[in-house]
Amino acid sequence: MKLIPCPLNGPRNADEFVCGGEVIDMPAPDASDAAWTRYIFSRENSAGLVREWWYHVPSSFWFILERDAVTDEAIRSYTVDELKR
């Protein structure tokens, strides 16, 4: 069984989660169409460390998970408040 470390609920079964994609910075509202197109449609999909949005369905809780995309190992998880610091 694969466990995901939720910062609110602790380690939980991966079946309780949904991945929301990479954490990327949103362009300014007045940014070019090209910048918005890259934001919406382009993803790095790089090997190595990635930061992703994850959603714990039973508790309706969003958080950030850093994981190694090669080994699929969870490195650490943290709340959105910690991302803003």
PDB file of N, CA and C in Angstrom:
ATOM      1  N   MET A   1       0.848  -1.175   0.000  1.00  0.00           N
ATOM      2  CA  MET A   1       0.000   0.000   0.000  1.00  0.00           C
ATOM      3  C   MET A   1       0.896   1.242   0.000  1.00  0.00           C
ATOM      4  N   LYS A   2       0.567   2.190  -0.850  1.00  0.00           N
ATOM      5  CA  LYS A   2       1.317   3.444  -0.926  1.00  0.00           C
ATOM      6  C   LYS A   2       0.703   4.449   0.044  1.00  0.00           C
ATOM      7  N   LEU A   3       1.558   5.078   0.854  1.00  0.00           N
ATOM      8  CA  LEU A   3       1.108   6.085   1.806  1.00  0.00           C
ATOM      9  C   LEU A   3       1.566   7.463   1.361  1.00  0.00           C
ATOM     10  N   ILE A   4       0.707   8.440   1.535  1.00  0.00           N
ATOM     11  CA  ILE A   4       1.030   9.837   1.245  1.00  0.00           C
ATOM     12  C   ILE A   4       0.987  10.600   2.567  1.00  0.00           C
ATOM     13  N   PRO A   5       2.043  11.378   2.863  1.00  0.00           N
ATOM     14  CA  PRO A   5       2.089  12.109   4.133  1.00  0.00           C
ATOM     15  C   PRO A   5       1.277  13.406   4.077  1.00  0.00           C
ATOM     16  N   CYS A   6       0.072  13.379   4.569  1.00  0.00           N
ATOM     17  CA  CYS A   6      -0.776  14.569   4.610  1.00  0.00           C
ATOM     18  C   CYS A   6      -0.385  15.411   5.830  1.00  0.00           C
ATOM     19  N   PRO A   7      -0.148  16.719   5.664  1.00  0.00           N
ATOM     20  CA  PRO A   7       0.241  17.536   6.817  1.00  0.00           C
ATOM     21  C   PRO A   7      -0.879  17.722   7.843  1.00  0.00           C
ATOM     22  N   LEU A   8      -2.123  17.467   7.446  1.00  0.00           N
ATOM     23  CA  LEU A   8      -3.249  17.604   8.372  1.00  0.00           C
ATOM     24  C   LEU A   8      -3.588  16.273   9.041  1.00  0.00           C
ATOM     25  N   ASN A   9      -3.585  15.192   8.273  1.00  0.00           N
ATOM     26  CA  ASN A   9      -4.072  13.897   8.753  1.00  0.00           C
ATOM     27  C   ASN A   9      -2.997  12.843   8.949  1.00  0.00           C
ATOM     28  N   GLY A  10      -1.745  13.152   8.649  1.00  0.00           N
ATOM     29  CA  GLY A  10      -0.680  12.166   8.766  1.00  0.00           C
ATOM     30  C   GLY A  10      -0.653  11.237   7.564  1.00  0.00           C
ATOM     31  N   PRO A  11       0.132  10.160   7.638  1.00  0.00           N
ATOM     32  CA  PRO A  11       0.226   9.235   6.513  1.00  0.00           C
ATOM     33  C   PRO A  11      -1.113   8.542   6.258  1.00  0.00           C
ATOM     34  N   ARG A  12      -1.557   8.601   5.000  1.00  0.00           N
ATOM     35  CA  ARG A  12      -2.854   8.018   4.620  1.00  0.00           C
ATOM     36  C   ARG A  12      -2.682   7.227   3.324  1.00  0.00           C
ATOM     37  N   ASN A  13      -3.590   6.315   3.074  1.00  0.00           N
ATOM     38  CA  ASN A  13      -3.595   5.513   1.863  1.00  0.00           C
ATOM     39  C   ASN A  13      -3.729   6.423   0.636  1.00  0.00           C
ATOM     40  N   ALA A  14      -2.964   6.142  -0.401  1.00  0.00           N
ATOM     41  CA  ALA A  14      -2.977   6.970  -1.617  1.00  0.00           C
ATOM     42  C   ALA A  14      -4.339   7.021  -2.286  1.00  0.00           C
ATOM     43  N   ASP A  15      -5.187   6.025  -2.038  1.00  0.00           N
ATOM     44  CA  ASP A  15      -6.533   6.017  -2.633  1.00  0.00           C
ATOM     45  C   ASP A  15      -7.399   7.171  -2.131  1.00  0.00           C
ATOM     46  N   GLU A  16      -7.007   7.827  -1.042  1.00  0.00           N
ATOM     47  CA  GLU A  16      -7.789   8.925  -0.473  1.00  0.00           C
ATOM     48  C   GLU A  16      -7.451  10.278  -1.105  1.00  0.00           C
ATOM     49  N   PHE A  17      -6.519  10.303  -2.068  1.00  0.00           N
ATOM     50  CA  PHE A  17      -6.005  11.560  -2.607  1.00  0.00           C
ATOM     51  C   PHE A  17      -6.230  11.693  -4.105  1.00  0.00           C
ATOM     52  N   VAL A  18      -6.211  12.950  -4.552  1.00  0.00           N
ATOM     53  CA  VAL A  18      -6.237  13.292  -5.969  1.00  0.00           C
ATOM     54  C   VAL A  18      -5.116  14.291  -6.207  1.00  0.00           C
ATOM     55  N   CYS A  19      -4.331  14.067  -7.254  1.00  0.00           N
ATOM     56  CA  CYS A  19      -3.240  14.985  -7.583  1.00  0.00           C
ATOM     57  C   CYS A  19      -3.806  16.134  -8.421  1.00  0.00           C
ATOM     58  N   GLY A  20      -3.456  17.366  -8.042  1.00  0.00           N
ATOM     59  CA  GLY A  20      -3.948  18.547  -8.747  1.00  0.00           C
ATOM     60  C   GLY A  20      -2.947  19.143  -9.713  1.00  0.00           C
ATOM     61  N   GLY A  21      -1.805  18.509  -9.909  1.00  0.00           N
ATOM     62  CA  GLY A  21      -0.818  19.008 -10.863  1.00  0.00           C
ATOM     63  C   GLY A  21       0.295  19.803 -10.209  1.00  0.00           C
ATOM     64  N   GLU A  22       1.200  20.263 -11.037  1.00  0.00           N
ATOM     65  CA  GLU A  22       2.377  21.001 -10.572  1.00  0.00           C
ATOM     66  C   GLU A  22       2.000  22.320  -9.906  1.00  0.00           C
ATOM     67  N   VAL A  23       2.825  22.735  -8.969  1.00  0.00           N
ATOM     68  CA  VAL A  23       2.705  24.067  -8.374  1.00  0.00           C
ATOM     69  C   VAL A  23       3.509  25.003  -9.267  1.00  0.00           C
ATOM     70  N   ILE A  24       2.816  25.916  -9.927  1.00  0.00           N
ATOM     71  CA  ILE A  24       3.490  26.893 -10.786  1.00  0.00           C
ATOM     72  C   ILE A  24       2.909  28.275 -10.514  1.00  0.00           C
ATOM     73  N   ASP A  25       3.726  29.286 -10.708  1.00  0.00           N
ATOM     74  CA  ASP A  25       3.290  30.663 -10.458  1.00  0.00           C
ATOM     75  C   ASP A  25       2.352  31.134 -11.566  1.00  0.00           C
ATOM     76  N   MET A  26       1.263  31.779 -11.156  1.00  0.00           N
ATOM     77  CA  MET A  26       0.284  32.309 -12.099  1.00  0.00           C
ATOM     78  C   MET A  26       0.799  33.635 -12.672  1.00  0.00           C
ATOM     79  N   PRO A  27       0.618  33.859 -13.973  1.00  0.00           N
ATOM     80  CA  PRO A  27       1.019  35.140 -14.556  1.00  0.00           C
ATOM     81  C   PRO A  27       0.145  36.281 -14.025  1.00  0.00           C
ATOM     82  N   ALA A  28       0.626  37.485 -14.189  1.00  0.00           N
ATOM     83  CA  ALA A  28      -0.159  38.671 -13.813  1.00  0.00           C
ATOM     84  C   ALA A  28      -1.422  38.709 -14.670  1.00  0.00           C
ATOM     85  N   PRO A  29      -2.511  39.282 -14.145  1.00  0.00           N
ATOM     86  CA  PRO A  29      -3.760  39.343 -14.917  1.00  0.00           C
ATOM     87  C   PRO A  29      -3.604  39.997 -16.292  1.00  0.00           C
ATOM     88  N   ASP A  30      -2.693  40.946 -16.399  1.00  0.00           N
ATOM     89  CA  ASP A  30      -2.511  41.645 -17.677  1.00  0.00           C
ATOM     90  C   ASP A  30      -1.364  41.058 -18.513  1.00  0.00           C
ATOM     91  N   ALA A  31      -0.916  39.847 -18.187  1.00  0.00           N
ATOM     92  CA  ALA A  31       0.171  39.204 -18.935  1.00  0.00           C
ATOM     93  C   ALA A  31      -0.281  38.888 -20.356  1.00  0.00           C
ATOM     94  N   SER A  32       0.679  38.611 -21.199  1.00  0.00           N
ATOM     95  CA  SER A  32       0.380  38.327 -22.612  1.00  0.00           C
ATOM     96  C   SER A  32      -0.392  37.017 -22.760  1.00  0.00           C
ATOM     97  N   ASP A  33      -1.040  36.877 -23.900  1.00  0.00           N
ATOM     98  CA  ASP A  33      -1.739  35.625 -24.204  1.00  0.00           C
ATOM     99  C   ASP A  33      -0.768  34.447 -24.205  1.00  0.00           C
ATOM    100  N   ALA A  34       0.451  34.685 -24.666  1.00  0.00           N
ATOM    101  CA  ALA A  34       1.452  33.620 -24.701  1.00  0.00           C
ATOM    102  C   ALA A  34       1.799  33.144 -23.288  1.00  0.00           C
ATOM    103  N   ALA A  35       1.912  34.079 -22.350  1.00  0.00           N
ATOM    104  CA  ALA A  35       2.215  33.718 -20.956  1.00  0.00           C
ATOM    105  C   ALA A  35       1.082  32.899 -20.351  1.00  0.00           C
ATOM    106  N   TRP A  36      -0.150  33.300 -20.611  1.00  0.00           N
ATOM    107  CA  TRP A  36      -1.306  32.554 -20.096  1.00  0.00           C
ATOM    108  C   TRP A  36      -1.426  31.189 -20.760  1.00  0.00           C
ATOM    109  N   THR A  37      -1.104  31.100 -22.042  1.00  0.00           N
ATOM    110  CA  THR A  37      -1.136  29.818 -22.744  1.00  0.00           C
ATOM    111  C   THR A  37      -0.128  28.855 -22.128  1.00  0.00           C
ATOM    112  N   ARG A  38       1.098  29.343 -21.853  1.00  0.00           N
ATOM    113  CA  ARG A  38       2.112  28.497 -21.203  1.00  0.00           C
ATOM    114  C   ARG A  38       1.638  28.043 -19.833  1.00  0.00           C
ATOM    115  N   TYR A  39       1.035  28.953 -19.072  1.00  0.00           N
ATOM    116  CA  TYR A  39       0.557  28.624 -17.716  1.00  0.00           C
ATOM    117  C   TYR A  39      -0.521  27.530 -17.748  1.00  0.00           C
ATOM    118  N   ILE A  40      -1.441  27.630 -18.687  1.00  0.00           N
ATOM    119  CA  ILE A  40      -2.563  26.697 -18.722  1.00  0.00           C
ATOM    120  C   ILE A  40      -2.184  25.353 -19.348  1.00  0.00           C
ATOM    121  N   PHE A  41      -1.390  25.376 -20.414  1.00  0.00           N
ATOM    122  CA  PHE A  41      -1.185  24.155 -21.186  1.00  0.00           C
ATOM    123  C   PHE A  41       0.197  23.513 -21.074  1.00  0.00           C
ATOM    124  N   SER A  42       1.209  24.228 -20.640  1.00  0.00           N
ATOM    125  CA  SER A  42       2.569  23.677 -20.633  1.00  0.00           C
ATOM    126  C   SER A  42       2.985  23.223 -19.243  1.00  0.00           C
ATOM    127  N   ARG A  43       3.574  22.042 -19.178  1.00  0.00           N
ATOM    128  CA  ARG A  43       4.092  21.506 -17.927  1.00  0.00           C
ATOM    129  C   ARG A  43       5.497  20.978 -18.172  1.00  0.00           C
ATOM    130  N   GLU A  44       6.351  21.083 -17.175  1.00  0.00           N
ATOM    131  CA  GLU A  44       7.736  20.653 -17.303  1.00  0.00           C
ATOM    132  C   GLU A  44       7.859  19.133 -17.403  1.00  0.00           C
ATOM    133  N   ASN A  45       7.161  18.396 -16.530  1.00  0.00           N
ATOM    134  CA  ASN A  45       7.245  16.937 -16.490  1.00  0.00           C
ATOM    135  C   ASN A  45       8.694  16.466 -16.421  1.00  0.00           C
ATOM    136  N   SER A  46       9.452  17.093 -15.525  1.00  0.00           N
ATOM    137  CA  SER A  46      10.872  16.785 -15.413  1.00  0.00           C
ATOM    138  C   SER A  46      11.126  15.652 -14.423  1.00  0.00           C
ATOM    139  N   ALA A  47      12.215  14.954 -14.632  1.00  0.00           N
ATOM    140  CA  ALA A  47      12.637  13.929 -13.676  1.00  0.00           C
ATOM    141  C   ALA A  47      13.269  14.638 -12.487  1.00  0.00           C
ATOM    142  N   GLY A  48      13.144  14.048 -11.322  1.00  0.00           N
ATOM    143  CA  GLY A  48      13.717  14.648 -10.121  1.00  0.00           C
ATOM    144  C   GLY A  48      12.633  15.215  -9.217  1.00  0.00           C
ATOM    145  N   LEU A  49      12.997  16.217  -8.443  1.00  0.00           N
ATOM    146  CA  LEU A  49      12.082  16.801  -7.462  1.00  0.00           C
ATOM    147  C   LEU A  49      10.981  17.622  -8.139  1.00  0.00           C
ATOM    148  N   VAL A  50       9.728  17.338  -7.779  1.00  0.00           N
ATOM    149  CA  VAL A  50       8.588  18.103  -8.275  1.00  0.00           C
ATOM    150  C   VAL A  50       7.726  18.530  -7.089  1.00  0.00           C
ATOM    151  N   ARG A  51       7.087  19.695  -7.233  1.00  0.00           N
ATOM    152  CA  ARG A  51       6.118  20.171  -6.233  1.00  0.00           C
ATOM    153  C   ARG A  51       4.744  20.097  -6.866  1.00  0.00           C
ATOM    154  N   GLU A  52       3.811  19.426  -6.158  1.00  0.00           N
ATOM    155  CA  GLU A  52       2.483  19.221  -6.718  1.00  0.00           C
ATOM    156  C   GLU A  52       1.403  19.542  -5.691  1.00  0.00           C
ATOM    157  N   TRP A  53       0.252  19.961  -6.213  1.00  0.00           N
ATOM    158  CA  TRP A  53      -0.942  20.115  -5.389  1.00  0.00           C
ATOM    159  C   TRP A  53      -1.546  18.738  -5.163  1.00  0.00           C
ATOM    160  N   TRP A  54      -1.921  18.438  -3.928  1.00  0.00           N
ATOM    161  CA  TRP A  54      -2.627  17.198  -3.618  1.00  0.00           C
ATOM    162  C   TRP A  54      -3.849  17.528  -2.776  1.00  0.00           C
ATOM    163  N   TYR A  55      -4.903  16.753  -2.975  1.00  0.00           N
ATOM    164  CA  TYR A  55      -6.183  16.972  -2.307  1.00  0.00           C
ATOM    165  C   TYR A  55      -6.572  15.710  -1.552  1.00  0.00           C
ATOM    166  N   HIS A  56      -6.779  15.843  -0.241  1.00  0.00           N
ATOM    167  CA  HIS A  56      -7.255  14.722   0.565  1.00  0.00           C
ATOM    168  C   HIS A  56      -8.777  14.762   0.540  1.00  0.00           C
ATOM    169  N   VAL A  57      -9.392  13.817  -0.144  1.00  0.00           N
ATOM    170  CA  VAL A  57     -10.828  13.832  -0.395  1.00  0.00           C
ATOM    171  C   VAL A  57     -11.663  13.750   0.893  1.00  0.00           C
ATOM    172  N   PRO A  58     -11.391  12.824   1.832  1.00  0.00           N
ATOM    173  CA  PRO A  58     -12.245  12.740   3.026  1.00  0.00           C
ATOM    174  C   PRO A  58     -12.282  14.011   3.872  1.00  0.00           C
ATOM    175  N   SER A  59     -11.174  14.764   3.904  1.00  0.00           N
ATOM    176  CA  SER A  59     -11.161  15.976   4.736  1.00  0.00           C
ATOM    177  C   SER A  59     -11.245  17.265   3.922  1.00  0.00           C
ATOM    178  N   SER A  60     -11.322  17.163   2.595  1.00  0.00           N
ATOM    179  CA  SER A  60     -11.378  18.341   1.707  1.00  0.00           C
ATOM    180  C   SER A  60     -10.215  19.290   1.965  1.00  0.00           C
ATOM    181  N   PHE A  61      -9.015  18.745   2.017  1.00  0.00           N
ATOM    182  CA  PHE A  61      -7.831  19.524   2.376  1.00  0.00           C
ATOM    183  C   PHE A  61      -6.804  19.508   1.248  1.00  0.00           C
ATOM    184  N   TRP A  62      -6.429  20.716   0.774  1.00  0.00           N
ATOM    185  CA  TRP A  62      -5.390  20.865  -0.243  1.00  0.00           C
ATOM    186  C   TRP A  62      -4.047  21.111   0.430  1.00  0.00           C
ATOM    187  N   PHE A  63      -2.985  20.537  -0.119  1.00  0.00           N
ATOM    188  CA  PHE A  63      -1.638  20.766   0.398  1.00  0.00           C
ATOM    189  C   PHE A  63      -0.623  20.556  -0.725  1.00  0.00           C
ATOM    190  N   ILE A  64       0.639  20.848  -0.424  1.00  0.00           N
ATOM    191  CA  ILE A  64       1.724  20.695  -1.385  1.00  0.00           C
ATOM    192  C   ILE A  64       2.535  19.462  -1.004  1.00  0.00           C
ATOM    193  N   LEU A  65       2.843  18.643  -1.993  1.00  0.00           N
ATOM    194  CA  LEU A  65       3.691  17.479  -1.781  1.00  0.00           C
ATOM    195  C   LEU A  65       4.902  17.598  -2.685  1.00  0.00           C
ATOM    196  N   GLU A  66       6.085  17.497  -2.091  1.00  0.00           N
ATOM    197  CA  GLU A  66       7.312  17.423  -2.878  1.00  0.00           C
ATOM    198  C   GLU A  66       7.677  15.952  -2.976  1.00  0.00           C
ATOM    199  N   ARG A  67       7.919  15.489  -4.208  1.00  0.00           N
ATOM    200  CA  ARG A  67       8.273  14.086  -4.386  1.00  0.00           C
ATOM    201  C   ARG A  67       9.299  13.941  -5.497  1.00  0.00           C
ATOM    202  N   ASP A  68       9.989  12.829  -5.457  1.00  0.00           N
ATOM    203  CA  ASP A  68      10.950  12.492  -6.492  1.00  0.00           C
ATOM    204  C   ASP A  68      10.172  11.809  -7.619  1.00  0.00           C
ATOM    205  N   ALA A  69      10.134  12.428  -8.785  1.00  0.00           N
ATOM    206  CA  ALA A  69       9.353  11.893  -9.899  1.00  0.00           C
ATOM    207  C   ALA A  69       9.970  10.624 -10.483  1.00  0.00           C
ATOM    208  N   VAL A  70      11.231  10.363 -10.190  1.00  0.00           N
ATOM    209  CA  VAL A  70      11.881   9.156 -10.700  1.00  0.00           C
ATOM    210  C   VAL A  70      11.516   7.951  -9.833  1.00  0.00           C
ATOM    211  N   THR A  71      11.645   8.108  -8.513  1.00  0.00           N
ATOM    212  CA  THR A  71      11.387   6.988  -7.601  1.00  0.00           C
ATOM    213  C   THR A  71       9.966   7.008  -7.036  1.00  0.00           C
ATOM    214  N   ASP A  72       9.230   8.103  -7.232  1.00  0.00           N
ATOM    215  CA  ASP A  72       7.884   8.314  -6.694  1.00  0.00           C
ATOM    216  C   ASP A  72       7.883   8.366  -5.160  1.00  0.00           C
ATOM    217  N   GLU A  73       9.023   8.697  -4.578  1.00  0.00           N
ATOM    218  CA  GLU A  73       9.147   8.817  -3.128  1.00  0.00           C
ATOM    219  C   GLU A  73       8.696  10.205  -2.676  1.00  0.00           C
ATOM    220  N   ALA A  74       7.842  10.252  -1.657  1.00  0.00           N
ATOM    221  CA  ALA A  74       7.419  11.528  -1.080  1.00  0.00           C
ATOM    222  C   ALA A  74       8.557  12.075  -0.226  1.00  0.00           C
ATOM    223  N   ILE A  75       8.973  13.311  -0.501  1.00  0.00           N
ATOM    224  CA  ILE A  75      10.068  13.933   0.242  1.00  0.00           C
ATOM    225  C   ILE A  75       9.514  14.669   1.465  1.00  0.00           C
ATOM    226  N   ARG A  76       8.533  15.549   1.223  1.00  0.00           N
ATOM    227  CA  ARG A  76       7.881  16.252   2.328  1.00  0.00           C
ATOM    228  C   ARG A  76       6.566  16.842   1.846  1.00  0.00           C
ATOM    229  N   SER A  77       5.701  17.149   2.795  1.00  0.00           N
ATOM    230  CA  SER A  77       4.430  17.799   2.472  1.00  0.00           C
ATOM    231  C   SER A  77       4.246  18.975   3.412  1.00  0.00           C
ATOM    232  N   TYR A  78       3.526  19.979   2.941  1.00  0.00           N
ATOM    233  CA  TYR A  78       3.297  21.160   3.765  1.00  0.00           C
ATOM    234  C   TYR A  78       2.036  21.880   3.308  1.00  0.00           C
ATOM    235  N   THR A  79       1.554  22.770   4.165  1.00  0.00           N
ATOM    236  CA  THR A  79       0.320  23.506   3.881  1.00  0.00           C
ATOM    237  C   THR A  79       0.591  24.663   2.921  1.00  0.00           C
ATOM    238  N   VAL A  80      -0.449  25.213   2.382  1.00  0.00           N
ATOM    239  CA  VAL A  80      -0.335  26.356   1.471  1.00  0.00           C
ATOM    240  C   VAL A  80       0.257  27.558   2.208  1.00  0.00           C
ATOM    241  N   ASP A  81      -0.047  27.723   3.489  1.00  0.00           N
ATOM    242  CA  ASP A  81       0.511  28.821   4.272  1.00  0.00           C
ATOM    243  C   ASP A  81       2.030  28.764   4.298  1.00  0.00           C
ATOM    244  N   GLU A  82       2.595  27.570   4.391  1.00  0.00           N
ATOM    245  CA  GLU A  82       4.042  27.422   4.389  1.00  0.00           C
ATOM    246  C   GLU A  82       4.644  27.759   3.023  1.00  0.00           C
ATOM    247  N   LEU A  83       3.910  27.541   1.964  1.00  0.00           N
ATOM    248  CA  LEU A  83       4.371  27.883   0.625  1.00  0.00           C
ATOM    249  C   LEU A  83       4.511  29.386   0.480  1.00  0.00           C
ATOM    250  N   LYS A  84       3.626  30.146   1.092  1.00  0.00           N
ATOM    251  CA  LYS A  84       3.620  31.613   0.970  1.00  0.00           C
ATOM    252  C   LYS A  84       4.744  32.272   1.743  1.00  0.00           C
ATOM    253  N   ARG A  85       5.332  31.567   2.721  1.00  0.00           N
ATOM    254  CA  ARG A  85       6.406  32.157   3.532  1.00  0.00           C
ATOM    255  C   ARG A  85       7.704  32.258   2.817  1.00  0.00           C
TER     256      ARG A  85
END
